[in-house]
């Protein structure tokens, strides 16, 4: 059972000796893949065989949202940005939700064929028309439409055996700053957030959302700490008030929005203390090892939530009529992009 609190990444398209040794540490519970780790389906199968041979229990993740955030492209179906579904929803809500369900299933089915457990999706941020980092990654600008589409997308993921991760709690769509590059500050009060950005999270939690990733955003009228380091946002709001019992993943601790928490050991400590179950350290192998060393110095805590993110295997999806029709649907949606 994967219980380790660290999710890290790999440098290239195959597993190095050093990486294989690192992955065997019990403090490592997850692996995230990026575009640099992929060339074609044959290579990905071989990489995953290597990973599973030493750590069959790891949670293997990727960002395969669609649109500009799709790490695997060649050999995979090109998925549209989710905003296309929001546009369709304005004309035909029923067809839009059906399409969202099929695209969620398609995305998950393709990844599960490689024994990849999760894509960090769906994005639950509202498109307030002012965030370049969110933009067309968001399903819609209206909370009700966004929730309806995201629930359908999540249901499709579940049907393909994949757990869903909503991001970025309690909402990243209002701020203009990119938390990869700076620390955004959202100055709205909690009532405003509750009436808008939090609504999709509340709806998906009620519908069975498996995991949540908080934002590296400070909501200055609520807490001086970014949400991912805030006990108020994670323990009080998310766990207690919203009743969420699933996994909480930190966003990448190497992002500039996380630098307020201190060095990498401190970022890890504060994220876990705030209520995160697993922390991500991406694109910085040296810093990932710093976090690993920190975790090795701590008393191990068994976390049964994390293992629930493992995908349910099914190798029949790619030969099904549903797969063929879902790929055709994705093609039609891609054609709608201006």
C-alpha atoms as a PDB file:
ATOM      1  CA  UNK A   1       0.000   0.000   0.000  1.00  0.00           C
ATOM      2  CA  UNK A   2       1.365   3.414  -1.007  1.00  0.00           C
ATOM      3  CA  UNK A   3       1.534   5.584   2.080  1.00  0.00           C
ATOM      4  CA  UNK A   4       4.455   7.876   1.297  1.00  0.00           C
ATOM      5  CA  UNK A   5       3.731  11.602   1.339  1.00  0.00           C
ATOM      6  CA  UNK A   6       6.052  12.665  -1.508  1.00  0.00           C
ATOM      7  CA  UNK A   7       5.201  12.771  -5.207  1.00  0.00           C
ATOM      8  CA  UNK A   8       8.207  13.532  -7.416  1.00  0.00           C
ATOM      9  CA  UNK A   9       9.148  13.266 -11.091  1.00  0.00           C
ATOM     10  CA  UNK A  10      11.727  11.856 -13.496  1.00  0.00           C
ATOM     11  CA  UNK A  11      14.330  13.566 -15.654  1.00  0.00           C
ATOM     12  CA  UNK A  12      13.852  11.725 -18.945  1.00  0.00           C
ATOM     13  CA  UNK A  13      12.092   9.003 -20.898  1.00  0.00           C
ATOM     14  CA  UNK A  14      13.529   6.050 -18.994  1.00  0.00           C
ATOM     15  CA  UNK A  15      14.192   5.264 -15.374  1.00  0.00           C
ATOM     16  CA  UNK A  16      17.779   5.911 -14.264  1.00  0.00           C
ATOM     17  CA  UNK A  17      19.514   3.793 -11.648  1.00  0.00           C
ATOM     18  CA  UNK A  18      19.446   6.674  -9.182  1.00  0.00           C
ATOM     19  CA  UNK A  19      15.735   7.291  -9.781  1.00  0.00           C
ATOM     20  CA  UNK A  20      14.958   3.601  -9.309  1.00  0.00           C
ATOM     21  CA  UNK A  21      16.686   3.713  -5.923  1.00  0.00           C
ATOM     22  CA  UNK A  22      14.803   6.878  -4.934  1.00  0.00           C
ATOM     23  CA  UNK A  23      11.426   5.430  -5.879  1.00  0.00           C
ATOM     24  CA  UNK A  24      11.975   2.496  -3.535  1.00  0.00           C
ATOM     25  CA  UNK A  25      11.965   4.715  -0.453  1.00  0.00           C
ATOM     26  CA  UNK A  26       8.671   4.192   1.400  1.00  0.00           C
ATOM     27  CA  UNK A  27       8.372   7.963   1.903  1.00  0.00           C
ATOM     28  CA  UNK A  28       7.806   8.260  -1.854  1.00  0.00           C
ATOM     29  CA  UNK A  29       4.161   7.579  -2.585  1.00  0.00           C
ATOM     30  CA  UNK A  30       3.687   9.110  -6.005  1.00  0.00           C
ATOM     31  CA  UNK A  31       5.239   9.852  -9.375  1.00  0.00           C
ATOM     32  CA  UNK A  32       4.151  12.578 -11.784  1.00  0.00           C
ATOM     33  CA  UNK A  33       5.004  12.426 -15.487  1.00  0.00           C
ATOM     34  CA  UNK A  34       5.555  15.347 -17.863  1.00  0.00           C
ATOM     35  CA  UNK A  35       5.949  15.853 -21.606  1.00  0.00           C
ATOM     36  CA  UNK A  36       9.703  15.305 -21.302  1.00  0.00           C
ATOM     37  CA  UNK A  37       8.979  11.781 -20.058  1.00  0.00           C
ATOM     38  CA  UNK A  38       7.058  10.832 -23.203  1.00  0.00           C
ATOM     39  CA  UNK A  39       7.948  10.148 -26.813  1.00  0.00           C
ATOM     40  CA  UNK A  40       5.469   7.511 -27.984  1.00  0.00           C
ATOM     41  CA  UNK A  41       3.192   4.753 -26.636  1.00  0.00           C
ATOM     42  CA  UNK A  42       5.861   2.042 -26.844  1.00  0.00           C
ATOM     43  CA  UNK A  43       8.284   4.099 -24.745  1.00  0.00           C
ATOM     44  CA  UNK A  44       5.573   4.940 -22.209  1.00  0.00           C
ATOM     45  CA  UNK A  45       4.629   1.283 -21.797  1.00  0.00           C
ATOM     46  CA  UNK A  46       8.279   0.432 -21.163  1.00  0.00           C
ATOM     47  CA  UNK A  47       8.714   3.274 -18.683  1.00  0.00           C
ATOM     48  CA  UNK A  48       5.631   2.201 -16.766  1.00  0.00           C
ATOM     49  CA  UNK A  49       6.784  -1.427 -16.739  1.00  0.00           C
ATOM     50  CA  UNK A  50      10.051  -0.252 -15.193  1.00  0.00           C
ATOM     51  CA  UNK A  51       8.249   1.790 -12.559  1.00  0.00           C
ATOM     52  CA  UNK A  52       5.740  -0.906 -11.671  1.00  0.00           C
ATOM     53  CA  UNK A  53       8.439  -3.570 -11.419  1.00  0.00           C
ATOM     54  CA  UNK A  54       9.927  -1.799  -8.398  1.00  0.00           C
ATOM     55  CA  UNK A  55       6.908   0.081  -6.984  1.00  0.00           C
ATOM     56  CA  UNK A  56       3.589  -1.415  -8.091  1.00  0.00           C
ATOM     57  CA  UNK A  57       1.829   0.618  -5.410  1.00  0.00           C
ATOM     58  CA  UNK A  58       2.925   4.108  -6.508  1.00  0.00           C
ATOM     59  CA  UNK A  59       0.262   6.616  -7.492  1.00  0.00           C
ATOM     60  CA  UNK A  60       1.340   7.628 -11.009  1.00  0.00           C
ATOM     61  CA  UNK A  61      -0.085  10.939 -12.192  1.00  0.00           C
ATOM     62  CA  UNK A  62      -0.021  13.317 -15.144  1.00  0.00           C
ATOM     63  CA  UNK A  63      -1.723  16.566 -16.132  1.00  0.00           C
ATOM     64  CA  UNK A  64      -3.891  15.503 -19.073  1.00  0.00           C
ATOM     65  CA  UNK A  65      -6.658  18.092 -18.830  1.00  0.00           C
ATOM     66  CA  UNK A  66      -6.921  18.851 -22.532  1.00  0.00           C
ATOM     67  CA  UNK A  67      -6.193  21.990 -24.492  1.00  0.00           C
ATOM     68  CA  UNK A  68      -2.848  23.537 -23.618  1.00  0.00           C
ATOM     69  CA  UNK A  69      -2.409  21.253 -20.595  1.00  0.00           C
ATOM     70  CA  UNK A  70      -2.026  17.820 -22.191  1.00  0.00           C
ATOM     71  CA  UNK A  71       1.359  16.222 -21.521  1.00  0.00           C
ATOM     72  CA  UNK A  72       0.933  13.212 -23.839  1.00  0.00           C
ATOM     73  CA  UNK A  73      -0.077  14.117 -27.380  1.00  0.00           C
ATOM     74  CA  UNK A  74       1.461  11.977 -30.126  1.00  0.00           C
ATOM     75  CA  UNK A  75      -0.382   8.652 -30.033  1.00  0.00           C
ATOM     76  CA  UNK A  76      -3.112  10.042 -27.757  1.00  0.00           C
ATOM     77  CA  UNK A  77      -6.386  11.726 -28.670  1.00  0.00           C
ATOM     78  CA  UNK A  78      -6.085  15.501 -28.739  1.00  0.00           C
ATOM     79  CA  UNK A  79      -8.526  16.764 -26.146  1.00  0.00           C
ATOM     80  CA  UNK A  80     -10.130  20.204 -26.430  1.00  0.00           C
ATOM     81  CA  UNK A  81      -9.834  22.880 -23.751  1.00  0.00           C
ATOM     82  CA  UNK A  82     -12.735  22.496 -21.357  1.00  0.00           C
ATOM     83  CA  UNK A  83     -14.048  25.961 -22.247  1.00  0.00           C
ATOM     84  CA  UNK A  84     -15.390  24.401 -25.457  1.00  0.00           C
ATOM     85  CA  UNK A  85     -17.842  22.432 -23.331  1.00  0.00           C
ATOM     86  CA  UNK A  86     -18.881  25.605 -21.546  1.00  0.00           C
ATOM     87  CA  UNK A  87     -19.675  27.229 -24.875  1.00  0.00           C
ATOM     88  CA  UNK A  88     -21.698  24.194 -25.904  1.00  0.00           C
ATOM     89  CA  UNK A  89     -23.525  24.280 -22.570  1.00  0.00           C
ATOM     90  CA  UNK A  90     -24.907  27.730 -23.363  1.00  0.00           C
ATOM     91  CA  UNK A  91     -26.632  26.275 -26.429  1.00  0.00           C
ATOM     92  CA  UNK A  92     -27.484  22.742 -25.267  1.00  0.00           C
ATOM     93  CA  UNK A  93     -26.798  21.803 -21.625  1.00  0.00           C
ATOM     94  CA  UNK A  94     -27.782  18.150 -22.035  1.00  0.00           C
ATOM     95  CA  UNK A  95     -25.497  17.540 -25.005  1.00  0.00           C
ATOM     96  CA  UNK A  96     -22.691  19.463 -23.299  1.00  0.00           C
ATOM     97  CA  UNK A  97     -22.879  17.308 -20.171  1.00  0.00           C
ATOM     98  CA  UNK A  98     -23.030  14.122 -22.231  1.00  0.00           C
ATOM     99  CA  UNK A  99     -19.957  15.300 -24.131  1.00  0.00           C
ATOM    100  CA  UNK A 100     -18.151  16.139 -20.879  1.00  0.00           C
ATOM    101  CA  UNK A 101     -18.828  12.656 -19.561  1.00  0.00           C
ATOM    102  CA  UNK A 102     -17.501  11.011 -22.724  1.00  0.00           C
ATOM    103  CA  UNK A 103     -14.377  13.184 -22.838  1.00  0.00           C
ATOM    104  CA  UNK A 104     -13.666  12.475 -19.174  1.00  0.00           C
ATOM    105  CA  UNK A 105     -14.052   8.757 -19.886  1.00  0.00           C
ATOM    106  CA  UNK A 106     -11.836   8.981 -22.991  1.00  0.00           C
ATOM    107  CA  UNK A 107      -9.041  10.816 -21.200  1.00  0.00           C
ATOM    108  CA  UNK A 108      -9.079   8.343 -18.333  1.00  0.00           C
ATOM    109  CA  UNK A 109      -9.412   5.256 -20.535  1.00  0.00           C
ATOM    110  CA  UNK A 110      -6.340   6.185 -22.571  1.00  0.00           C
ATOM    111  CA  UNK A 111      -4.229   6.740 -19.466  1.00  0.00           C
ATOM    112  CA  UNK A 112      -5.458   3.631 -17.684  1.00  0.00           C
ATOM    113  CA  UNK A 113      -4.297   1.589 -20.708  1.00  0.00           C
ATOM    114  CA  UNK A 114      -0.759   2.530 -19.601  1.00  0.00           C
ATOM    115  CA  UNK A 115      -1.468   1.847 -15.909  1.00  0.00           C
ATOM    116  CA  UNK A 116      -1.324   5.565 -15.115  1.00  0.00           C
ATOM    117  CA  UNK A 117      -3.576   6.121 -12.132  1.00  0.00           C
ATOM    118  CA  UNK A 118      -4.713   9.727 -12.303  1.00  0.00           C
ATOM    119  CA  UNK A 119      -4.812  12.900 -14.285  1.00  0.00           C
ATOM    120  CA  UNK A 120      -5.061  15.955 -12.055  1.00  0.00           C
ATOM    121  CA  UNK A 121      -8.503  16.897 -13.338  1.00  0.00           C
ATOM    122  CA  UNK A 122     -11.062  18.381 -13.479  1.00  0.00           C
ATOM    123  CA  UNK A 123     -10.223  22.073 -13.129  1.00  0.00           C
ATOM    124  CA  UNK A 124     -12.924  23.630 -10.949  1.00  0.00           C
ATOM    125  CA  UNK A 125     -11.744  27.238 -11.206  1.00  0.00           C
ATOM    126  CA  UNK A 126     -14.248  29.747 -12.529  1.00  0.00           C
ATOM    127  CA  UNK A 127     -13.223  31.624 -15.660  1.00  0.00           C
ATOM    128  CA  UNK A 128     -13.512  35.215 -14.473  1.00  0.00           C
ATOM    129  CA  UNK A 129     -12.006  36.361 -17.801  1.00  0.00           C
ATOM    130  CA  UNK A 130      -8.888  37.736 -16.111  1.00  0.00           C
ATOM    131  CA  UNK A 131      -6.542  34.803 -15.377  1.00  0.00           C
ATOM    132  CA  UNK A 132      -4.190  33.818 -18.186  1.00  0.00           C
ATOM    133  CA  UNK A 133      -3.010  30.707 -16.317  1.00  0.00           C
ATOM    134  CA  UNK A 134      -6.597  29.399 -15.994  1.00  0.00           C
ATOM    135  CA  UNK A 135      -8.430  30.882 -18.975  1.00  0.00           C
ATOM    136  CA  UNK A 136      -9.827  28.195 -21.268  1.00  0.00           C
ATOM    137  CA  UNK A 137      -8.805  25.443 -18.857  1.00  0.00           C
ATOM    138  CA  UNK A 138     -11.994  26.354 -16.972  1.00  0.00           C
ATOM    139  CA  UNK A 139     -15.271  24.763 -18.016  1.00  0.00           C
ATOM    140  CA  UNK A 140     -17.317  27.920 -17.616  1.00  0.00           C
ATOM    141  CA  UNK A 141     -17.808  31.338 -16.028  1.00  0.00           C
ATOM    142  CA  UNK A 142     -21.001  30.365 -14.201  1.00  0.00           C
ATOM    143  CA  UNK A 143     -20.677  28.150 -11.110  1.00  0.00           C
ATOM    144  CA  UNK A 144     -23.791  26.121 -11.943  1.00  0.00           C
ATOM    145  CA  UNK A 145     -22.698  25.318 -15.489  1.00  0.00           C
ATOM    146  CA  UNK A 146     -19.157  24.619 -14.345  1.00  0.00           C
ATOM    147  CA  UNK A 147     -20.352  22.194 -11.671  1.00  0.00           C
ATOM    148  CA  UNK A 148     -22.707  20.354 -14.021  1.00  0.00           C
ATOM    149  CA  UNK A 149     -19.984  19.870 -16.642  1.00  0.00           C
ATOM    150  CA  UNK A 150     -17.294  18.929 -14.115  1.00  0.00           C
ATOM    151  CA  UNK A 151     -19.556  16.376 -12.435  1.00  0.00           C
ATOM    152  CA  UNK A 152     -20.235  14.779 -15.819  1.00  0.00           C
ATOM    153  CA  UNK A 153     -16.513  14.777 -16.634  1.00  0.00           C
ATOM    154  CA  UNK A 154     -15.762  13.181 -13.242  1.00  0.00           C
ATOM    155  CA  UNK A 155     -18.426  10.530 -13.789  1.00  0.00           C
ATOM    156  CA  UNK A 156     -16.753   9.600 -17.066  1.00  0.00           C
ATOM    157  CA  UNK A 157     -13.398   9.323 -15.319  1.00  0.00           C
ATOM    158  CA  UNK A 158     -14.923   7.073 -12.680  1.00  0.00           C
ATOM    159  CA  UNK A 159     -16.440   4.828 -15.349  1.00  0.00           C
ATOM    160  CA  UNK A 160     -12.936   4.316 -16.762  1.00  0.00           C
ATOM    161  CA  UNK A 161     -11.562   3.419 -13.333  1.00  0.00           C
ATOM    162  CA  UNK A 162      -9.866   6.732 -12.532  1.00  0.00           C
ATOM    163  CA  UNK A 163     -10.214   8.861  -9.404  1.00  0.00           C
ATOM    164  CA  UNK A 164     -10.821  12.584  -9.942  1.00  0.00           C
ATOM    165  CA  UNK A 165      -8.908  15.539  -8.455  1.00  0.00           C
ATOM    166  CA  UNK A 166     -10.582  18.949  -8.349  1.00  0.00           C
ATOM    167  CA  UNK A 167      -8.309  21.984  -8.477  1.00  0.00           C
ATOM    168  CA  UNK A 168      -7.413  24.648  -7.331  1.00  0.00           C
ATOM    169  CA  UNK A 169      -9.328  25.046  -4.059  1.00  0.00           C
ATOM    170  CA  UNK A 170     -10.914  27.425  -3.131  1.00  0.00           C
ATOM    171  CA  UNK A 171     -10.547  28.952  -6.621  1.00  0.00           C
ATOM    172  CA  UNK A 172      -7.692  30.318  -8.734  1.00  0.00           C
ATOM    173  CA  UNK A 173      -9.709  31.981 -11.479  1.00  0.00           C
ATOM    174  CA  UNK A 174     -10.056  35.481  -9.994  1.00  0.00           C
ATOM    175  CA  UNK A 175      -6.386  36.421  -9.588  1.00  0.00           C
ATOM    176  CA  UNK A 176      -4.369  37.576 -12.591  1.00  0.00           C
ATOM    177  CA  UNK A 177      -0.960  36.502 -11.286  1.00  0.00           C
ATOM    178  CA  UNK A 178       0.448  33.102 -12.257  1.00  0.00           C
ATOM    179  CA  UNK A 179       1.324  31.221  -9.057  1.00  0.00           C
ATOM    180  CA  UNK A 180       4.119  29.439 -10.926  1.00  0.00           C
ATOM    181  CA  UNK A 181       5.904  32.800 -11.121  1.00  0.00           C
ATOM    182  CA  UNK A 182       4.629  34.863  -8.176  1.00  0.00           C
ATOM    183  CA  UNK A 183       2.353  34.695  -5.146  1.00  0.00           C
ATOM    184  CA  UNK A 184      -1.167  35.799  -6.144  1.00  0.00           C
ATOM    185  CA  UNK A 185      -3.396  37.572  -3.626  1.00  0.00           C
ATOM    186  CA  UNK A 186      -7.185  37.371  -3.820  1.00  0.00           C
ATOM    187  CA  UNK A 187      -8.683  40.210  -1.760  1.00  0.00           C
ATOM    188  CA  UNK A 188     -12.315  39.042  -1.823  1.00  0.00           C
ATOM    189  CA  UNK A 189     -13.977  38.127   1.444  1.00  0.00           C
ATOM    190  CA  UNK A 190     -15.083  34.635   2.381  1.00  0.00           C
ATOM    191  CA  UNK A 191     -18.755  35.321   1.724  1.00  0.00           C
ATOM    192  CA  UNK A 192     -17.960  36.275  -1.857  1.00  0.00           C
ATOM    193  CA  UNK A 193     -15.834  33.157  -2.300  1.00  0.00           C
ATOM    194  CA  UNK A 194     -18.532  30.996  -0.727  1.00  0.00           C
ATOM    195  CA  UNK A 195     -21.179  32.318  -3.121  1.00  0.00           C
ATOM    196  CA  UNK A 196     -19.064  31.790  -6.237  1.00  0.00           C
ATOM    197  CA  UNK A 197     -15.739  29.950  -6.461  1.00  0.00           C
ATOM    198  CA  UNK A 198     -16.403  27.426  -3.704  1.00  0.00           C
ATOM    199  CA  UNK A 199     -19.734  26.328  -5.167  1.00  0.00           C
ATOM    200  CA  UNK A 200     -18.267  23.930  -7.778  1.00  0.00           C
ATOM    201  CA  UNK A 201     -16.076  22.301  -5.129  1.00  0.00           C
ATOM    202  CA  UNK A 202     -19.094  21.869  -2.864  1.00  0.00           C
ATOM    203  CA  UNK A 203     -21.111  20.314  -5.694  1.00  0.00           C
ATOM    204  CA  UNK A 204     -18.391  17.863  -6.682  1.00  0.00           C
ATOM    205  CA  UNK A 205     -17.690  16.847  -3.100  1.00  0.00           C
ATOM    206  CA  UNK A 206     -21.375  15.947  -2.789  1.00  0.00           C
ATOM    207  CA  UNK A 207     -21.094  13.976  -6.056  1.00  0.00           C
ATOM    208  CA  UNK A 208     -18.128  11.900  -4.866  1.00  0.00           C
ATOM    209  CA  UNK A 209     -14.948  13.845  -5.647  1.00  0.00           C
ATOM    210  CA  UNK A 210     -11.900  11.754  -4.700  1.00  0.00           C
ATOM    211  CA  UNK A 211      -9.172  14.378  -4.241  1.00  0.00           C
ATOM    212  CA  UNK A 212      -8.569  18.117  -4.156  1.00  0.00           C
ATOM    213  CA  UNK A 213      -5.538  20.273  -4.897  1.00  0.00           C
ATOM    214  CA  UNK A 214      -5.447  23.678  -3.162  1.00  0.00           C
ATOM    215  CA  UNK A 215      -4.199  26.861  -4.783  1.00  0.00           C
ATOM    216  CA  UNK A 216      -0.937  28.650  -4.053  1.00  0.00           C
ATOM    217  CA  UNK A 217      -3.031  31.804  -3.580  1.00  0.00           C
ATOM    218  CA  UNK A 218      -3.393  34.003  -0.506  1.00  0.00           C
ATOM    219  CA  UNK A 219      -7.002  34.938   0.284  1.00  0.00           C
ATOM    220  CA  UNK A 220      -5.974  37.923   2.348  1.00  0.00           C
ATOM    221  CA  UNK A 221      -9.296  38.584   4.098  1.00  0.00           C
ATOM    222  CA  UNK A 222      -9.420  34.974   5.301  1.00  0.00           C
ATOM    223  CA  UNK A 223      -5.873  33.797   6.087  1.00  0.00           C
ATOM    224  CA  UNK A 224      -2.378  35.250   5.470  1.00  0.00           C
ATOM    225  CA  UNK A 225      -1.117  31.831   4.306  1.00  0.00           C
ATOM    226  CA  UNK A 226      -1.720  30.451   0.797  1.00  0.00           C
ATOM    227  CA  UNK A 227      -4.555  27.926   0.825  1.00  0.00           C
ATOM    228  CA  UNK A 228      -2.181  24.969   0.503  1.00  0.00           C
ATOM    229  CA  UNK A 229      -0.443  25.945   3.760  1.00  0.00           C
ATOM    230  CA  UNK A 230      -3.563  27.068   5.603  1.00  0.00           C
ATOM    231  CA  UNK A 231      -5.102  24.966   8.362  1.00  0.00           C
ATOM    232  CA  UNK A 232      -8.188  27.123   8.089  1.00  0.00           C
ATOM    233  CA  UNK A 233      -8.761  26.378   4.417  1.00  0.00           C
ATOM    234  CA  UNK A 234      -7.885  22.691   4.556  1.00  0.00           C
ATOM    235  CA  UNK A 235      -8.902  21.499   8.019  1.00  0.00           C
ATOM    236  CA  UNK A 236     -11.684  23.899   8.940  1.00  0.00           C
ATOM    237  CA  UNK A 237     -13.262  24.796   5.606  1.00  0.00           C
ATOM    238  CA  UNK A 238     -12.569  21.747   3.448  1.00  0.00           C
ATOM    239  CA  UNK A 239     -12.621  18.927   5.969  1.00  0.00           C
ATOM    240  CA  UNK A 240     -15.012  20.212   8.641  1.00  0.00           C
ATOM    241  CA  UNK A 241     -17.420  22.581   6.908  1.00  0.00           C
ATOM    242  CA  UNK A 242     -17.555  20.963   3.458  1.00  0.00           C
ATOM    243  CA  UNK A 243     -17.177  17.433   4.790  1.00  0.00           C
ATOM    244  CA  UNK A 244     -14.467  16.392   2.351  1.00  0.00           C
ATOM    245  CA  UNK A 245     -12.857  13.071   3.291  1.00  0.00           C
ATOM    246  CA  UNK A 246     -10.709  12.405   0.221  1.00  0.00           C
ATOM    247  CA  UNK A 247      -7.055  13.040  -0.572  1.00  0.00           C
ATOM    248  CA  UNK A 248      -5.555  16.537  -0.475  1.00  0.00           C
ATOM    249  CA  UNK A 249      -2.592  16.975  -2.821  1.00  0.00           C
ATOM    250  CA  UNK A 250      -0.425  20.052  -2.491  1.00  0.00           C
ATOM    251  CA  UNK A 251       0.252  21.942  -5.681  1.00  0.00           C
ATOM    252  CA  UNK A 252       3.904  21.849  -6.761  1.00  0.00           C
ATOM    253  CA  UNK A 253       6.088  23.086  -3.893  1.00  0.00           C
ATOM    254  CA  UNK A 254       8.674  24.427  -6.364  1.00  0.00           C
ATOM    255  CA  UNK A 255       6.232  27.070  -7.616  1.00  0.00           C
ATOM    256  CA  UNK A 256       6.949  30.655  -6.615  1.00  0.00           C
ATOM    257  CA  UNK A 257       3.574  30.802  -4.898  1.00  0.00           C
ATOM    258  CA  UNK A 258       4.918  28.271  -2.367  1.00  0.00           C
ATOM    259  CA  UNK A 259       8.141  30.152  -1.562  1.00  0.00           C
ATOM    260  CA  UNK A 260       6.465  32.093   1.249  1.00  0.00           C
ATOM    261  CA  UNK A 261       6.605  28.895   3.322  1.00  0.00           C
ATOM    262  CA  UNK A 262      10.419  28.818   3.447  1.00  0.00           C
ATOM    263  CA  UNK A 263      12.930  26.211   2.315  1.00  0.00           C
ATOM    264  CA  UNK A 264      11.777  22.918   0.857  1.00  0.00           C
ATOM    265  CA  UNK A 265      11.705  20.997   4.118  1.00  0.00           C
ATOM    266  CA  UNK A 266       9.626  23.808   5.636  1.00  0.00           C
ATOM    267  CA  UNK A 267       7.279  23.865   2.642  1.00  0.00           C
ATOM    268  CA  UNK A 268       6.700  20.148   3.098  1.00  0.00           C
ATOM    269  CA  UNK A 269       6.266  20.427   6.856  1.00  0.00           C
ATOM    270  CA  UNK A 270       3.798  23.294   6.623  1.00  0.00           C
ATOM    271  CA  UNK A 271       1.770  21.697   3.826  1.00  0.00           C
ATOM    272  CA  UNK A 272       1.405  18.450   5.754  1.00  0.00           C
ATOM    273  CA  UNK A 273       0.640  20.294   8.996  1.00  0.00           C
ATOM    274  CA  UNK A 274      -2.049  22.285   7.197  1.00  0.00           C
ATOM    275  CA  UNK A 275      -3.749  19.081   6.109  1.00  0.00           C
ATOM    276  CA  UNK A 276      -2.213  17.921   2.823  1.00  0.00           C
ATOM    277  CA  UNK A 277      -1.870  14.156   2.443  1.00  0.00           C
ATOM    278  CA  UNK A 278       0.754  14.254  -0.303  1.00  0.00           C
ATOM    279  CA  UNK A 279       3.145  16.976  -1.485  1.00  0.00           C
ATOM    280  CA  UNK A 280       4.384  17.452  -5.041  1.00  0.00           C
ATOM    281  CA  UNK A 281       7.958  18.499  -5.778  1.00  0.00           C
ATOM    282  CA  UNK A 282       8.445  18.804  -9.524  1.00  0.00           C
ATOM    283  CA  UNK A 283      11.221  19.782 -11.948  1.00  0.00           C
ATOM    284  CA  UNK A 284      13.789  20.179  -9.163  1.00  0.00           C
ATOM    285  CA  UNK A 285      15.370  16.763  -8.357  1.00  0.00           C
ATOM    286  CA  UNK A 286      17.747  18.199  -5.774  1.00  0.00           C
ATOM    287  CA  UNK A 287      14.895  19.792  -3.851  1.00  0.00           C
ATOM    288  CA  UNK A 288      12.821  16.616  -4.113  1.00  0.00           C
ATOM    289  CA  UNK A 289      15.660  14.784  -2.380  1.00  0.00           C
ATOM    290  CA  UNK A 290      15.724  17.484   0.312  1.00  0.00           C
ATOM    291  CA  UNK A 291      12.048  16.819   0.985  1.00  0.00           C
ATOM    292  CA  UNK A 292      12.685  13.078   0.951  1.00  0.00           C
ATOM    293  CA  UNK A 293      15.446  13.496   3.542  1.00  0.00           C
ATOM    294  CA  UNK A 294      13.099  15.544   5.694  1.00  0.00           C
ATOM    295  CA  UNK A 295      10.367  12.898   5.513  1.00  0.00           C
ATOM    296  CA  UNK A 296      12.852  10.142   6.353  1.00  0.00           C
ATOM    297  CA  UNK A 297      13.686  12.026   9.547  1.00  0.00           C
ATOM    298  CA  UNK A 298      10.049  12.039  10.654  1.00  0.00           C
ATOM    299  CA  UNK A 299       7.937   9.345  12.266  1.00  0.00           C
ATOM    300  CA  UNK A 300       6.182   7.447   9.472  1.00  0.00           C
ATOM    301  CA  UNK A 301       2.419   7.913   9.393  1.00  0.00           C
ATOM    302  CA  UNK A 302       0.247   5.384   7.583  1.00  0.00           C
ATOM    303  CA  UNK A 303      -2.217   7.258   5.370  1.00  0.00           C
ATOM    304  CA  UNK A 304      -4.870   4.925   3.946  1.00  0.00           C
ATOM    305  CA  UNK A 305      -6.422   7.684   1.829  1.00  0.00           C
ATOM    306  CA  UNK A 306      -3.575   7.749  -0.687  1.00  0.00           C
ATOM    307  CA  UNK A 307      -3.931   4.123  -1.792  1.00  0.00           C
ATOM    308  CA  UNK A 308      -7.541   4.823  -2.809  1.00  0.00           C
ATOM    309  CA  UNK A 309      -6.227   6.868  -5.745  1.00  0.00           C
ATOM    310  CA  UNK A 310      -4.905   3.755  -7.509  1.00  0.00           C
ATOM    311  CA  UNK A 311      -6.699   3.196 -10.801  1.00  0.00           C
ATOM    312  CA  UNK A 312      -9.018   0.294 -11.439  1.00  0.00           C
ATOM    313  CA  UNK A 313      -7.554  -1.796 -14.297  1.00  0.00           C
ATOM    314  CA  UNK A 314      -9.554  -2.539 -17.447  1.00  0.00           C
ATOM    315  CA  UNK A 315      -7.863  -3.278 -20.761  1.00  0.00           C
ATOM    316  CA  UNK A 316     -11.060  -3.525 -22.807  1.00  0.00           C
ATOM    317  CA  UNK A 317     -11.770   0.186 -23.214  1.00  0.00           C
ATOM    318  CA  UNK A 318      -9.622   0.882 -26.272  1.00  0.00           C
ATOM    319  CA  UNK A 319     -11.341  -1.789 -28.363  1.00  0.00           C
ATOM    320  CA  UNK A 320     -14.848  -0.621 -27.558  1.00  0.00           C
ATOM    321  CA  UNK A 321     -17.386   1.208 -29.691  1.00  0.00           C
ATOM    322  CA  UNK A 322     -17.545   3.842 -26.965  1.00  0.00           C
ATOM    323  CA  UNK A 323     -13.854   4.580 -27.443  1.00  0.00           C
ATOM    324  CA  UNK A 324     -14.297   5.066 -31.183  1.00  0.00           C
ATOM    325  CA  UNK A 325     -17.264   7.378 -30.674  1.00  0.00           C
ATOM    326  CA  UNK A 326     -15.524   9.357 -27.929  1.00  0.00           C
ATOM    327  CA  UNK A 327     -12.519   9.965 -30.174  1.00  0.00           C
ATOM    328  CA  UNK A 328     -14.840  11.213 -32.924  1.00  0.00           C
ATOM    329  CA  UNK A 329     -16.502  13.526 -30.385  1.00  0.00           C
ATOM    330  CA  UNK A 330     -13.089  14.893 -29.347  1.00  0.00           C
ATOM    331  CA  UNK A 331     -12.321  15.602 -32.991  1.00  0.00           C
ATOM    332  CA  UNK A 332     -15.566  17.521 -33.440  1.00  0.00           C
ATOM    333  CA  UNK A 333     -14.867  19.543 -30.296  1.00  0.00           C
ATOM    334  CA  UNK A 334     -11.347  20.355 -31.500  1.00  0.00           C
ATOM    335  CA  UNK A 335     -12.871  21.642 -34.747  1.00  0.00           C
ATOM    336  CA  UNK A 336     -14.874  24.190 -32.742  1.00  0.00           C
ATOM    337  CA  UNK A 337     -11.739  25.958 -31.543  1.00  0.00           C
ATOM    338  CA  UNK A 338     -11.397  29.267 -33.360  1.00  0.00           C
END
